[in-house]
Amino acid sequence: MLIIFKSKAAAEVIMYKEHIALVLDALSKDSHRGVITFAESANAIALIEKLIEEDKQIRKQQESLNDNADDESDLDEFEKRKKRDTVTLSARLFPILDMLRAANKKQEDVLWGV
């Protein structure tokens, strides 16, 4: 399911529900319809930045474990490509983070489902 985020401060952002669910759940927001008000935007920005930093730390740990693991020669081409082409959480959340920063700066709300 797609969610379209709207704000007077930025262009629309379209995201898959499963990619933004972690953020909306942490903010106690419904994925079908909701608003992040200007007053809530600073908290939402901090939350997303924290989630991104945690994801980066987890990826670093996984990479160091993978560096110490056996050779990748056992993996087929699909598994090698899957491992290499994973989209990071920061890449997935950047558009909404950018929108929230713009909305915060211009003191606007972010809406979806309307």
PDB file of N, CA and C in Angstrom:
ATOM      1  N   MET A   1       0.833  -1.173   0.000  1.00  0.00           N
ATOM      2  CA  MET A   1       0.000   0.000   0.000  1.00  0.00           C
ATOM      3  C   MET A   1       0.880   1.241   0.000  1.00  0.00           C
ATOM      4  N   LEU A   2       0.497   2.226  -0.782  1.00  0.00           N
ATOM      5  CA  LEU A   2       1.228   3.479  -0.859  1.00  0.00           C
ATOM      6  C   LEU A   2       0.605   4.518   0.061  1.00  0.00           C
ATOM      7  N   ILE A   3       1.466   5.347   0.631  1.00  0.00           N
ATOM      8  CA  ILE A   3       1.016   6.473   1.436  1.00  0.00           C
ATOM      9  C   ILE A   3       1.575   7.727   0.785  1.00  0.00           C
ATOM     10  N   ILE A   4       0.715   8.709   0.565  1.00  0.00           N
ATOM     11  CA  ILE A   4       1.135   9.978  -0.039  1.00  0.00           C
ATOM     12  C   ILE A   4       1.146  11.042   1.052  1.00  0.00           C
ATOM     13  N   PHE A   5       2.337  11.555   1.330  1.00  0.00           N
ATOM     14  CA  PHE A   5       2.504  12.607   2.329  1.00  0.00           C
ATOM     15  C   PHE A   5       2.450  13.952   1.616  1.00  0.00           C
ATOM     16  N   LYS A   6       1.730  14.904   2.225  1.00  0.00           N
ATOM     17  CA  LYS A   6       1.559  16.229   1.643  1.00  0.00           C
ATOM     18  C   LYS A   6       1.888  17.301   2.674  1.00  0.00           C
ATOM     19  N   SER A   7       2.468  18.381   2.172  1.00  0.00           N
ATOM     20  CA  SER A   7       2.750  19.540   3.018  1.00  0.00           C
ATOM     21  C   SER A   7       2.859  20.764   2.118  1.00  0.00           C
ATOM     22  N   LYS A   8       2.474  21.895   2.646  1.00  0.00           N
ATOM     23  CA  LYS A   8       2.629  23.146   1.903  1.00  0.00           C
ATOM     24  C   LYS A   8       4.101  23.533   1.783  1.00  0.00           C
ATOM     25  N   ALA A   9       4.956  22.896   2.556  1.00  0.00           N
ATOM     26  CA  ALA A   9       6.373  23.244   2.589  1.00  0.00           C
ATOM     27  C   ALA A   9       7.224  22.482   1.577  1.00  0.00           C
ATOM     28  N   ALA A  10       6.689  21.408   0.979  1.00  0.00           N
ATOM     29  CA  ALA A  10       7.497  20.572   0.088  1.00  0.00           C
ATOM     30  C   ALA A  10       6.608  19.815  -0.889  1.00  0.00           C
ATOM     31  N   ALA A  11       7.249  19.221  -1.878  1.00  0.00           N
ATOM     32  CA  ALA A  11       6.526  18.387  -2.838  1.00  0.00           C
ATOM     33  C   ALA A  11       6.028  17.115  -2.153  1.00  0.00           C
ATOM     34  N   GLU A  12       5.020  16.470  -2.744  1.00  0.00           N
ATOM     35  CA  GLU A  12       4.484  15.234  -2.183  1.00  0.00           C
ATOM     36  C   GLU A  12       5.568  14.163  -2.107  1.00  0.00           C
ATOM     37  N   VAL A  13       5.453  13.326  -1.101  1.00  0.00           N
ATOM     38  CA  VAL A  13       6.349  12.182  -0.933  1.00  0.00           C
ATOM     39  C   VAL A  13       5.478  10.933  -0.921  1.00  0.00           C
ATOM     40  N   ILE A  14       5.801   9.981  -1.781  1.00  0.00           N
ATOM     41  CA  ILE A  14       5.055   8.727  -1.864  1.00  0.00           C
ATOM     42  C   ILE A  14       5.948   7.608  -1.348  1.00  0.00           C
ATOM     43  N   MET A  15       5.423   6.864  -0.370  1.00  0.00           N
ATOM     44  CA  MET A  15       6.202   5.787   0.236  1.00  0.00           C
ATOM     45  C   MET A  15       5.330   4.549   0.390  1.00  0.00           C
ATOM     46  N   TYR A  16       5.997   3.385   0.416  1.00  0.00           N
ATOM     47  CA  TYR A  16       5.299   2.156   0.762  1.00  0.00           C
ATOM     48  C   TYR A  16       5.013   2.155   2.256  1.00  0.00           C
ATOM     49  N   LYS A  17       3.849   1.679   2.609  1.00  0.00           N
ATOM     50  CA  LYS A  17       3.439   1.613   4.017  1.00  0.00           C
ATOM     51  C   LYS A  17       4.465   0.852   4.854  1.00  0.00           C
ATOM     52  N   GLU A  18       4.965  -0.260   4.331  1.00  0.00           N
ATOM     53  CA  GLU A  18       5.906  -1.076   5.103  1.00  0.00           C
ATOM     54  C   GLU A  18       7.234  -0.366   5.361  1.00  0.00           C
ATOM     55  N   HIS A  19       7.585   0.625   4.529  1.00  0.00           N
ATOM     56  CA  HIS A  19       8.833   1.351   4.726  1.00  0.00           C
ATOM     57  C   HIS A  19       8.713   2.459   5.767  1.00  0.00           C
ATOM     58  N   ILE A  20       7.517   2.979   5.955  1.00  0.00           N
ATOM     59  CA  ILE A  20       7.310   4.084   6.891  1.00  0.00           C
ATOM     60  C   ILE A  20       6.609   3.627   8.167  1.00  0.00           C
ATOM     61  N   ALA A  21       6.158   2.390   8.213  1.00  0.00           N
ATOM     62  CA  ALA A  21       5.382   1.884   9.359  1.00  0.00           C
ATOM     63  C   ALA A  21       6.136   2.019  10.667  1.00  0.00           C
ATOM     64  N   LEU A  22       7.434   1.762  10.663  1.00  0.00           N
ATOM     65  CA  LEU A  22       8.250   1.871  11.877  1.00  0.00           C
ATOM     66  C   LEU A  22       8.167   3.276  12.464  1.00  0.00           C
ATOM     67  N   VAL A  23       8.249   4.274  11.611  1.00  0.00           N
ATOM     68  CA  VAL A  23       8.200   5.670  12.057  1.00  0.00           C
ATOM     69  C   VAL A  23       6.800   6.021  12.557  1.00  0.00           C
ATOM     70  N   LEU A  24       5.782   5.677  11.775  1.00  0.00           N
ATOM     71  CA  LEU A  24       4.413   6.016  12.169  1.00  0.00           C
ATOM     72  C   LEU A  24       4.022   5.317  13.473  1.00  0.00           C
ATOM     73  N   ASP A  25       4.425   4.069  13.636  1.00  0.00           N
ATOM     74  CA  ASP A  25       4.137   3.354  14.884  1.00  0.00           C
ATOM     75  C   ASP A  25       4.826   4.028  16.068  1.00  0.00           C
ATOM     76  N   ALA A  26       6.075   4.433  15.891  1.00  0.00           N
ATOM     77  CA  ALA A  26       6.812   5.091  16.975  1.00  0.00           C
ATOM     78  C   ALA A  26       6.188   6.435  17.347  1.00  0.00           C
ATOM     79  N   LEU A  27       5.547   7.074  16.368  1.00  0.00           N
ATOM     80  CA  LEU A  27       4.881   8.360  16.617  1.00  0.00           C
ATOM     81  C   LEU A  27       3.415   8.184  17.016  1.00  0.00           C
ATOM     82  N   SER A  28       2.971   6.925  17.137  1.00  0.00           N
ATOM     83  CA  SER A  28       1.577   6.595  17.461  1.00  0.00           C
ATOM     84  C   SER A  28       0.609   7.204  16.446  1.00  0.00           C
ATOM     85  N   LYS A  29       0.948   7.060  15.171  1.00  0.00           N
ATOM     86  CA  LYS A  29       0.121   7.596  14.082  1.00  0.00           C
ATOM     87  C   LYS A  29      -0.478   6.453  13.272  1.00  0.00           C
ATOM     88  N   ASP A  30      -1.691   6.668  12.788  1.00  0.00           N
ATOM     89  CA  ASP A  30      -2.377   5.710  11.932  1.00  0.00           C
ATOM     90  C   ASP A  30      -1.809   5.825  10.517  1.00  0.00           C
ATOM     91  N   SER A  31      -1.613   4.708   9.853  1.00  0.00           N
ATOM     92  CA  SER A  31      -1.038   4.751   8.509  1.00  0.00           C
ATOM     93  C   SER A  31      -2.067   5.133   7.442  1.00  0.00           C
ATOM     94  N   HIS A  32      -3.356   5.065   7.752  1.00  0.00           N
ATOM     95  CA  HIS A  32      -4.379   5.380   6.751  1.00  0.00           C
ATOM     96  C   HIS A  32      -4.615   6.882   6.605  1.00  0.00           C
ATOM     97  N   ARG A  33      -4.619   7.579   7.723  1.00  0.00           N
ATOM     98  CA  ARG A  33      -4.873   9.014   7.702  1.00  0.00           C
ATOM     99  C   ARG A  33      -4.257   9.633   8.942  1.00  0.00           C
ATOM    100  N   GLY A  34      -3.589  10.765   8.750  1.00  0.00           N
ATOM    101  CA  GLY A  34      -3.009  11.402   9.914  1.00  0.00           C
ATOM    102  C   GLY A  34      -2.313  12.709   9.597  1.00  0.00           C
ATOM    103  N   VAL A  35      -1.724  13.260  10.640  1.00  0.00           N
ATOM    104  CA  VAL A  35      -1.013  14.523  10.526  1.00  0.00           C
ATOM    105  C   VAL A  35       0.149  14.528  11.514  1.00  0.00           C
ATOM    106  N   ILE A  36       1.247  15.074  11.067  1.00  0.00           N
ATOM    107  CA  ILE A  36       2.355  15.418  11.964  1.00  0.00           C
ATOM    108  C   ILE A  36       2.354  16.937  11.975  1.00  0.00           C
ATOM    109  N   THR A  37       1.942  17.490  13.088  1.00  0.00           N
ATOM    110  CA  THR A  37       1.829  18.944  13.189  1.00  0.00           C
ATOM    111  C   THR A  37       3.207  19.581  13.279  1.00  0.00           C
ATOM    112  N   PHE A  38       3.234  20.883  13.066  1.00  0.00           N
ATOM    113  CA  PHE A  38       4.484  21.625  13.211  1.00  0.00           C
ATOM    114  C   PHE A  38       5.075  21.374  14.597  1.00  0.00           C
ATOM    115  N   ALA A  39       4.237  21.354  15.616  1.00  0.00           N
ATOM    116  CA  ALA A  39       4.706  21.137  16.988  1.00  0.00           C
ATOM    117  C   ALA A  39       5.332  19.751  17.174  1.00  0.00           C
ATOM    118  N   GLU A  40       4.865  18.764  16.419  1.00  0.00           N
ATOM    119  CA  GLU A  40       5.389  17.397  16.516  1.00  0.00           C
ATOM    120  C   GLU A  40       6.578  17.136  15.598  1.00  0.00           C
ATOM    121  N   SER A  41       6.810  18.032  14.661  1.00  0.00           N
ATOM    122  CA  SER A  41       7.804  17.765  13.621  1.00  0.00           C
ATOM    123  C   SER A  41       9.230  17.629  14.157  1.00  0.00           C
ATOM    124  N   ALA A  42       9.608  18.412  15.138  1.00  0.00           N
ATOM    125  CA  ALA A  42      10.968  18.303  15.689  1.00  0.00           C
ATOM    126  C   ALA A  42      11.186  16.926  16.311  1.00  0.00           C
ATOM    127  N   ASN A  43      10.181  16.423  17.023  1.00  0.00           N
ATOM    128  CA  ASN A  43      10.265  15.086  17.606  1.00  0.00           C
ATOM    129  C   ASN A  43      10.349  14.016  16.513  1.00  0.00           C
ATOM    130  N   ALA A  44       9.565  14.180  15.445  1.00  0.00           N
ATOM    131  CA  ALA A  44       9.580  13.219  14.341  1.00  0.00           C
ATOM    132  C   ALA A  44      10.935  13.213  13.637  1.00  0.00           C
ATOM    133  N   ILE A  45      11.518  14.378  13.441  1.00  0.00           N
ATOM    134  CA  ILE A  45      12.843  14.482  12.820  1.00  0.00           C
ATOM    135  C   ILE A  45      13.881  13.772  13.686  1.00  0.00           C
ATOM    136  N   ALA A  46      13.855  14.052  14.982  1.00  0.00           N
ATOM    137  CA  ALA A  46      14.809  13.414  15.904  1.00  0.00           C
ATOM    138  C   ALA A  46      14.644  11.893  15.903  1.00  0.00           C
ATOM    139  N   LEU A  47      13.409  11.434  15.864  1.00  0.00           N
ATOM    140  CA  LEU A  47      13.144   9.994  15.851  1.00  0.00           C
ATOM    141  C   LEU A  47      13.718   9.350  14.590  1.00  0.00           C
ATOM    142  N   ILE A  48      13.472   9.944  13.442  1.00  0.00           N
ATOM    143  CA  ILE A  48      13.976   9.382  12.180  1.00  0.00           C
ATOM    144  C   ILE A  48      15.502   9.389  12.175  1.00  0.00           C
ATOM    145  N   GLU A  49      16.105  10.474  12.628  1.00  0.00           N
ATOM    146  CA  GLU A  49      17.567  10.532  12.683  1.00  0.00           C
ATOM    147  C   GLU A  49      18.126   9.453  13.605  1.00  0.00           C
ATOM    148  N   LYS A  50      17.457   9.198  14.714  1.00  0.00           N
ATOM    149  CA  LYS A  50      17.878   8.149  15.641  1.00  0.00           C
ATOM    150  C   LYS A  50      17.760   6.767  14.989  1.00  0.00           C
ATOM    151  N   LEU A  51      16.645   6.508  14.301  1.00  0.00           N
ATOM    152  CA  LEU A  51      16.453   5.233  13.620  1.00  0.00           C
ATOM    153  C   LEU A  51      17.517   5.013  12.546  1.00  0.00           C
ATOM    154  N   ILE A  52      17.847   6.059  11.818  1.00  0.00           N
ATOM    155  CA  ILE A  52      18.869   5.959  10.780  1.00  0.00           C
ATOM    156  C   ILE A  52      20.226   5.648  11.402  1.00  0.00           C
ATOM    157  N   GLU A  53      20.553   6.323  12.486  1.00  0.00           N
ATOM    158  CA  GLU A  53      21.846   6.084  13.148  1.00  0.00           C
ATOM    159  C   GLU A  53      21.925   4.659  13.690  1.00  0.00           C
ATOM    160  N   GLU A  54      20.845   4.182  14.282  1.00  0.00           N
ATOM    161  CA  GLU A  54      20.819   2.800  14.781  1.00  0.00           C
ATOM    162  C   GLU A  54      20.992   1.807  13.642  1.00  0.00           C
ATOM    163  N   ASP A  55      20.339   2.067  12.513  1.00  0.00           N
ATOM    164  CA  ASP A  55      20.471   1.193  11.353  1.00  0.00           C
ATOM    165  C   ASP A  55      21.910   1.176  10.840  1.00  0.00           C
ATOM    166  N   LYS A  56      22.544   2.335  10.810  1.00  0.00           N
ATOM    167  CA  LYS A  56      23.944   2.399  10.371  1.00  0.00           C
ATOM    168  C   LYS A  56      24.846   1.569  11.282  1.00  0.00           C
ATOM    169  N   GLN A  57      24.612   1.650  12.590  1.00  0.00           N
ATOM    170  CA  GLN A  57      25.414   0.873  13.531  1.00  0.00           C
ATOM    171  C   GLN A  57      25.210  -0.626  13.332  1.00  0.00           C
ATOM    172  N   ILE A  58      23.979  -1.038  13.140  1.00  0.00           N
ATOM    173  CA  ILE A  58      23.676  -2.453  12.899  1.00  0.00           C
ATOM    174  C   ILE A  58      24.353  -2.920  11.611  1.00  0.00           C
ATOM    175  N   ARG A  59      24.296  -2.108  10.565  1.00  0.00           N
ATOM    176  CA  ARG A  59      24.935  -2.474   9.291  1.00  0.00           C
ATOM    177  C   ARG A  59      26.440  -2.602   9.440  1.00  0.00           C
ATOM    178  N   LYS A  60      27.046  -1.710  10.216  1.00  0.00           N
ATOM    179  CA  LYS A  60      28.494  -1.800  10.455  1.00  0.00           C
ATOM    180  C   LYS A  60      28.842  -3.114  11.145  1.00  0.00           C
ATOM    181  N   GLN A  61      28.039  -3.473  12.144  1.00  0.00           N
ATOM    182  CA  GLN A  61      28.278  -4.730  12.858  1.00  0.00           C
ATOM    183  C   GLN A  61      28.119  -5.916  11.923  1.00  0.00           C
ATOM    184  N   GLN A  62      27.096  -5.896  11.093  1.00  0.00           N
ATOM    185  CA  GLN A  62      26.864  -6.988  10.150  1.00  0.00           C
ATOM    186  C   GLN A  62      28.002  -7.087   9.135  1.00  0.00           C
ATOM    187  N   GLU A  63      28.480  -5.935   8.667  1.00  0.00           N
ATOM    188  CA  GLU A  63      29.584  -5.943   7.712  1.00  0.00           C
ATOM    189  C   GLU A  63      30.842  -6.521   8.334  1.00  0.00           C
ATOM    190  N   SER A  64      31.112  -6.161   9.588  1.00  0.00           N
ATOM    191  CA  SER A  64      32.307  -6.708  10.234  1.00  0.00           C
ATOM    192  C   SER A  64      32.159  -8.212  10.455  1.00  0.00           C
ATOM    193  N   LEU A  65      30.947  -8.678  10.760  1.00  0.00           N
ATOM    194  CA  LEU A  65      30.714 -10.119  10.882  1.00  0.00           C
ATOM    195  C   LEU A  65      30.888 -10.811   9.534  1.00  0.00           C
ATOM    196  N   ASN A  66      30.382 -10.174   8.477  1.00  0.00           N
ATOM    197  CA  ASN A  66      30.505 -10.748   7.142  1.00  0.00           C
ATOM    198  C   ASN A  66      31.954 -10.769   6.674  1.00  0.00           C
ATOM    199  N   ASP A  67      32.736  -9.761   7.062  1.00  0.00           N
ATOM    200  CA  ASP A  67      34.146  -9.738   6.704  1.00  0.00           C
ATOM    201  C   ASP A  67      34.895 -10.895   7.356  1.00  0.00           C
ATOM    202  N   ASN A  68      34.442 -11.268   8.538  1.00  0.00           N
ATOM    203  CA  ASN A  68      35.080 -12.368   9.261  1.00  0.00           C
ATOM    204  C   ASN A  68      34.511 -13.729   8.867  1.00  0.00           C
ATOM    205  N   ALA A  69      33.416 -13.729   8.124  1.00  0.00           N
ATOM    206  CA  ALA A  69      32.762 -14.989   7.738  1.00  0.00           C
ATOM    207  C   ALA A  69      33.506 -15.640   6.578  1.00  0.00           C
ATOM    208  N   ASP A  70      33.010 -16.813   6.216  1.00  0.00           N
ATOM    209  CA  ASP A  70      33.610 -17.553   5.105  1.00  0.00           C
ATOM    210  C   ASP A  70      33.502 -16.777   3.804  1.00  0.00           C
ATOM    211  N   ASP A  71      34.248 -17.225   2.837  1.00  0.00           N
ATOM    212  CA  ASP A  71      34.258 -16.644   1.501  1.00  0.00           C
ATOM    213  C   ASP A  71      32.861 -16.677   0.885  1.00  0.00           C
ATOM    214  N   GLU A  72      32.547 -15.690   0.041  1.00  0.00           N
ATOM    215  CA  GLU A  72      31.241 -15.609  -0.606  1.00  0.00           C
ATOM    216  C   GLU A  72      31.129 -16.535  -1.811  1.00  0.00           C
ATOM    217  N   SER A  73      32.134 -17.325  -2.081  1.00  0.00           N
ATOM    218  CA  SER A  73      32.099 -18.175  -3.268  1.00  0.00           C
ATOM    219  C   SER A  73      30.980 -19.210  -3.207  1.00  0.00           C
ATOM    220  N   ASP A  74      30.464 -19.524  -1.994  1.00  0.00           N
ATOM    221  CA  ASP A  74      29.362 -20.486  -1.874  1.00  0.00           C
ATOM    222  C   ASP A  74      28.035 -19.886  -2.338  1.00  0.00           C
ATOM    223  N   LEU A  75      27.923 -18.543  -2.332  1.00  0.00           N
ATOM    224  CA  LEU A  75      26.662 -17.891  -2.680  1.00  0.00           C
ATOM    225  C   LEU A  75      26.460 -17.872  -4.192  1.00  0.00           C
ATOM    226  N   ASP A  76      25.212 -18.080  -4.622  1.00  0.00           N
ATOM    227  CA  ASP A  76      24.925 -17.955  -6.046  1.00  0.00           C
ATOM    228  C   ASP A  76      24.856 -16.469  -6.405  1.00  0.00           C
ATOM    229  N   GLU A  77      24.762 -16.179  -7.690  1.00  0.00           N
ATOM    230  CA  GLU A  77      24.786 -14.784  -8.167  1.00  0.00           C
ATOM    231  C   GLU A  77      23.637 -13.961  -7.592  1.00  0.00           C
ATOM    232  N   PHE A  78      22.448 -14.559  -7.470  1.00  0.00           N
ATOM    233  CA  PHE A  78      21.300 -13.850  -6.912  1.00  0.00           C
ATOM    234  C   PHE A  78      21.571 -13.428  -5.474  1.00  0.00           C
ATOM    235  N   GLU A  79      22.114 -14.324  -4.654  1.00  0.00           N
ATOM    236  CA  GLU A  79      22.400 -14.010  -3.250  1.00  0.00           C
ATOM    237  C   GLU A  79      23.475 -12.936  -3.134  1.00  0.00           C
ATOM    238  N   LYS A  80      24.472 -12.971  -3.982  1.00  0.00           N
ATOM    239  CA  LYS A  80      25.523 -11.935  -3.972  1.00  0.00           C
ATOM    240  C   LYS A  80      24.927 -10.576  -4.306  1.00  0.00           C
ATOM    241  N   ARG A  81      24.072 -10.553  -5.342  1.00  0.00           N
ATOM    242  CA  ARG A  81      23.453  -9.297  -5.760  1.00  0.00           C
ATOM    243  C   ARG A  81      22.509  -8.777  -4.675  1.00  0.00           C
ATOM    244  N   LYS A  82      21.734  -9.664  -4.073  1.00  0.00           N
ATOM    245  CA  LYS A  82      20.801  -9.285  -3.005  1.00  0.00           C
ATOM    246  C   LYS A  82      21.557  -8.668  -1.829  1.00  0.00           C
ATOM    247  N   LYS A  83      22.662  -9.257  -1.469  1.00  0.00           N
ATOM    248  CA  LYS A  83      23.477  -8.764  -0.362  1.00  0.00           C
ATOM    249  C   LYS A  83      24.067  -7.388  -0.688  1.00  0.00           C
ATOM    250  N   ARG A  84      24.485  -7.199  -1.920  1.00  0.00           N
ATOM    251  CA  ARG A  84      25.138  -5.969  -2.348  1.00  0.00           C
ATOM    252  C   ARG A  84      24.151  -4.834  -2.589  1.00  0.00           C
ATOM    253  N   ASP A  85      22.939  -5.129  -3.060  1.00  0.00           N
ATOM    254  CA  ASP A  85      21.994  -4.105  -3.502  1.00  0.00           C
ATOM    255  C   ASP A  85      20.913  -3.765  -2.488  1.00  0.00           C
ATOM    256  N   THR A  86      21.109  -4.048  -1.243  1.00  0.00           N
ATOM    257  CA  THR A  86      20.117  -3.746  -0.224  1.00  0.00           C
ATOM    258  C   THR A  86      19.980  -2.233  -0.063  1.00  0.00           C
ATOM    259  N   VAL A  87      18.733  -1.760  -0.016  1.00  0.00           N
ATOM    260  CA  VAL A  87      18.473  -0.335   0.170  1.00  0.00           C
ATOM    261  C   VAL A  87      18.502  -0.038   1.661  1.00  0.00           C
ATOM    262  N   THR A  88      19.257   0.965   2.052  1.00  0.00           N
ATOM    263  CA  THR A  88      19.401   1.301   3.465  1.00  0.00           C
ATOM    264  C   THR A  88      18.181   2.040   3.982  1.00  0.00           C
ATOM    265  N   LEU A  89      18.017   1.997   5.284  1.00  0.00           N
ATOM    266  CA  LEU A  89      16.919   2.718   5.921  1.00  0.00           C
ATOM    267  C   LEU A  89      17.055   4.222   5.683  1.00  0.00           C
ATOM    268  N   SER A  90      18.274   4.721   5.715  1.00  0.00           N
ATOM    269  CA  SER A  90      18.465   6.159   5.491  1.00  0.00           C
ATOM    270  C   SER A  90      18.022   6.561   4.087  1.00  0.00           C
ATOM    271  N   ALA A  91      18.264   5.709   3.096  1.00  0.00           N
ATOM    272  CA  ALA A  91      17.821   6.012   1.737  1.00  0.00           C
ATOM    273  C   ALA A  91      16.296   5.983   1.642  1.00  0.00           C
ATOM    274  N   ARG A  92      15.673   5.047   2.340  1.00  0.00           N
ATOM    275  CA  ARG A  92      14.218   4.947   2.308  1.00  0.00           C
ATOM    276  C   ARG A  92      13.545   6.119   3.026  1.00  0.00           C
ATOM    277  N   LEU A  93      14.133   6.566   4.127  1.00  0.00           N
ATOM    278  CA  LEU A  93      13.498   7.603   4.941  1.00  0.00           C
ATOM    279  C   LEU A  93      13.916   9.024   4.580  1.00  0.00           C
ATOM    280  N   PHE A  94      14.918   9.175   3.725  1.00  0.00           N
ATOM    281  CA  PHE A  94      15.389  10.524   3.396  1.00  0.00           C
ATOM    282  C   PHE A  94      14.290  11.438   2.861  1.00  0.00           C
ATOM    283  N   PRO A  95      13.439  10.990   1.922  1.00  0.00           N
ATOM    284  CA  PRO A  95      12.416  11.917   1.401  1.00  0.00           C
ATOM    285  C   PRO A  95      11.475  12.464   2.476  1.00  0.00           C
ATOM    286  N   ILE A  96      11.023  11.615   3.379  1.00  0.00           N
ATOM    287  CA  ILE A  96      10.112  12.092   4.428  1.00  0.00           C
ATOM    288  C   ILE A  96      10.869  12.943   5.448  1.00  0.00           C
ATOM    289  N   LEU A  97      12.110  12.605   5.710  1.00  0.00           N
ATOM    290  CA  LEU A  97      12.931  13.416   6.613  1.00  0.00           C
ATOM    291  C   LEU A  97      13.131  14.804   6.019  1.00  0.00           C
ATOM    292  N   ASP A  98      13.412  14.861   4.737  1.00  0.00           N
ATOM    293  CA  ASP A  98      13.586  16.145   4.051  1.00  0.00           C
ATOM    294  C   ASP A  98      12.301  16.965   4.102  1.00  0.00           C
ATOM    295  N   MET A  99      11.159  16.307   3.888  1.00  0.00           N
ATOM    296  CA  MET A  99       9.861  16.995   3.949  1.00  0.00           C
ATOM    297  C   MET A  99       9.607  17.534   5.355  1.00  0.00           C
ATOM    298  N   LEU A 100       9.879  16.718   6.366  1.00  0.00           N
ATOM    299  CA  LEU A 100       9.657  17.152   7.746  1.00  0.00           C
ATOM    300  C   LEU A 100      10.553  18.339   8.111  1.00  0.00           C
ATOM    301  N   ARG A 101      11.781  18.313   7.640  1.00  0.00           N
ATOM    302  CA  ARG A 101      12.685  19.452   7.911  1.00  0.00           C
ATOM    303  C   ARG A 101      12.154  20.727   7.264  1.00  0.00           C
ATOM    304  N   ALA A 102      11.692  20.621   6.020  1.00  0.00           N
ATOM    305  CA  ALA A 102      11.134  21.786   5.328  1.00  0.00           C
ATOM    306  C   ALA A 102       9.870  22.270   6.025  1.00  0.00           C
ATOM    307  N   ALA A 103       9.013  21.337   6.426  1.00  0.00           N
ATOM    308  CA  ALA A 103       7.776  21.703   7.120  1.00  0.00           C
ATOM    309  C   ALA A 103       8.072  22.365   8.458  1.00  0.00           C
ATOM    310  N   ASN A 104       9.067  21.859   9.158  1.00  0.00           N
ATOM    311  CA  ASN A 104       9.453  22.450  10.441  1.00  0.00           C
ATOM    312  C   ASN A 104       9.973  23.867  10.234  1.00  0.00           C
ATOM    313  N   LYS A 105      10.789  24.039   9.231  1.00  0.00           N
ATOM    314  CA  LYS A 105      11.369  25.358   8.948  1.00  0.00           C
ATOM    315  C   LYS A 105      10.290  26.374   8.583  1.00  0.00           C
ATOM    316  N   LYS A 106       9.288  25.934   7.818  1.00  0.00           N
ATOM    317  CA  LYS A 106       8.216  26.832   7.376  1.00  0.00           C
ATOM    318  C   LYS A 106       6.990  26.785   8.280  1.00  0.00           C
ATOM    319  N   GLN A 107       7.093  26.047   9.387  1.00  0.00           N
ATOM    320  CA  GLN A 107       6.026  25.913  10.374  1.00  0.00           C
ATOM    321  C   GLN A 107       4.726  25.401   9.744  1.00  0.00           C
ATOM    322  N   GLU A 108       4.861  24.342   8.967  1.00  0.00           N
ATOM    323  CA  GLU A 108       3.717  23.706   8.301  1.00  0.00           C
ATOM    324  C   GLU A 108       3.530  22.286   8.826  1.00  0.00           C
ATOM    325  N   ASP A 109       2.361  21.724   8.586  1.00  0.00           N
ATOM    326  CA  ASP A 109       2.055  20.347   8.971  1.00  0.00           C
ATOM    327  C   ASP A 109       2.342  19.401   7.802  1.00  0.00           C
ATOM    328  N   VAL A 110       2.465  18.122   8.114  1.00  0.00           N
ATOM    329  CA  VAL A 110       2.573  17.067   7.113  1.00  0.00           C
ATOM    330  C   VAL A 110       1.338  16.178   7.268  1.00  0.00           C
ATOM    331  N   LEU A 111       0.620  15.970   6.156  1.00  0.00           N
ATOM    332  CA  LEU A 111      -0.640  15.212   6.177  1.00  0.00           C
ATOM    333  C   LEU A 111      -0.538  14.000   5.254  1.00  0.00           C
ATOM    334  N   TRP A 112      -1.362  12.986   5.530  1.00  0.00           N
ATOM    335  CA  TRP A 112      -1.517  11.864   4.610  1.00  0.00           C
ATOM    336  C   TRP A 112      -2.917  11.301   4.749  1.00  0.00           C
ATOM    337  N   GLY A 113      -3.361  10.674   3.678  1.00  0.00           N
ATOM    338  CA  GLY A 113      -4.683  10.060   3.685  1.00  0.00           C
ATOM    339  C   GLY A 113      -5.808  11.040   3.488  1.00  0.00           C
ATOM    340  N   VAL A 114      -5.510  12.231   3.046  1.00  0.00           N
ATOM    341  CA  VAL A 114      -6.555  13.248   2.847  1.00  0.00           C
ATOM    342  C   VAL A 114      -6.736  13.536   1.366  1.00  0.00           C
TER     343      VAL A 114
END
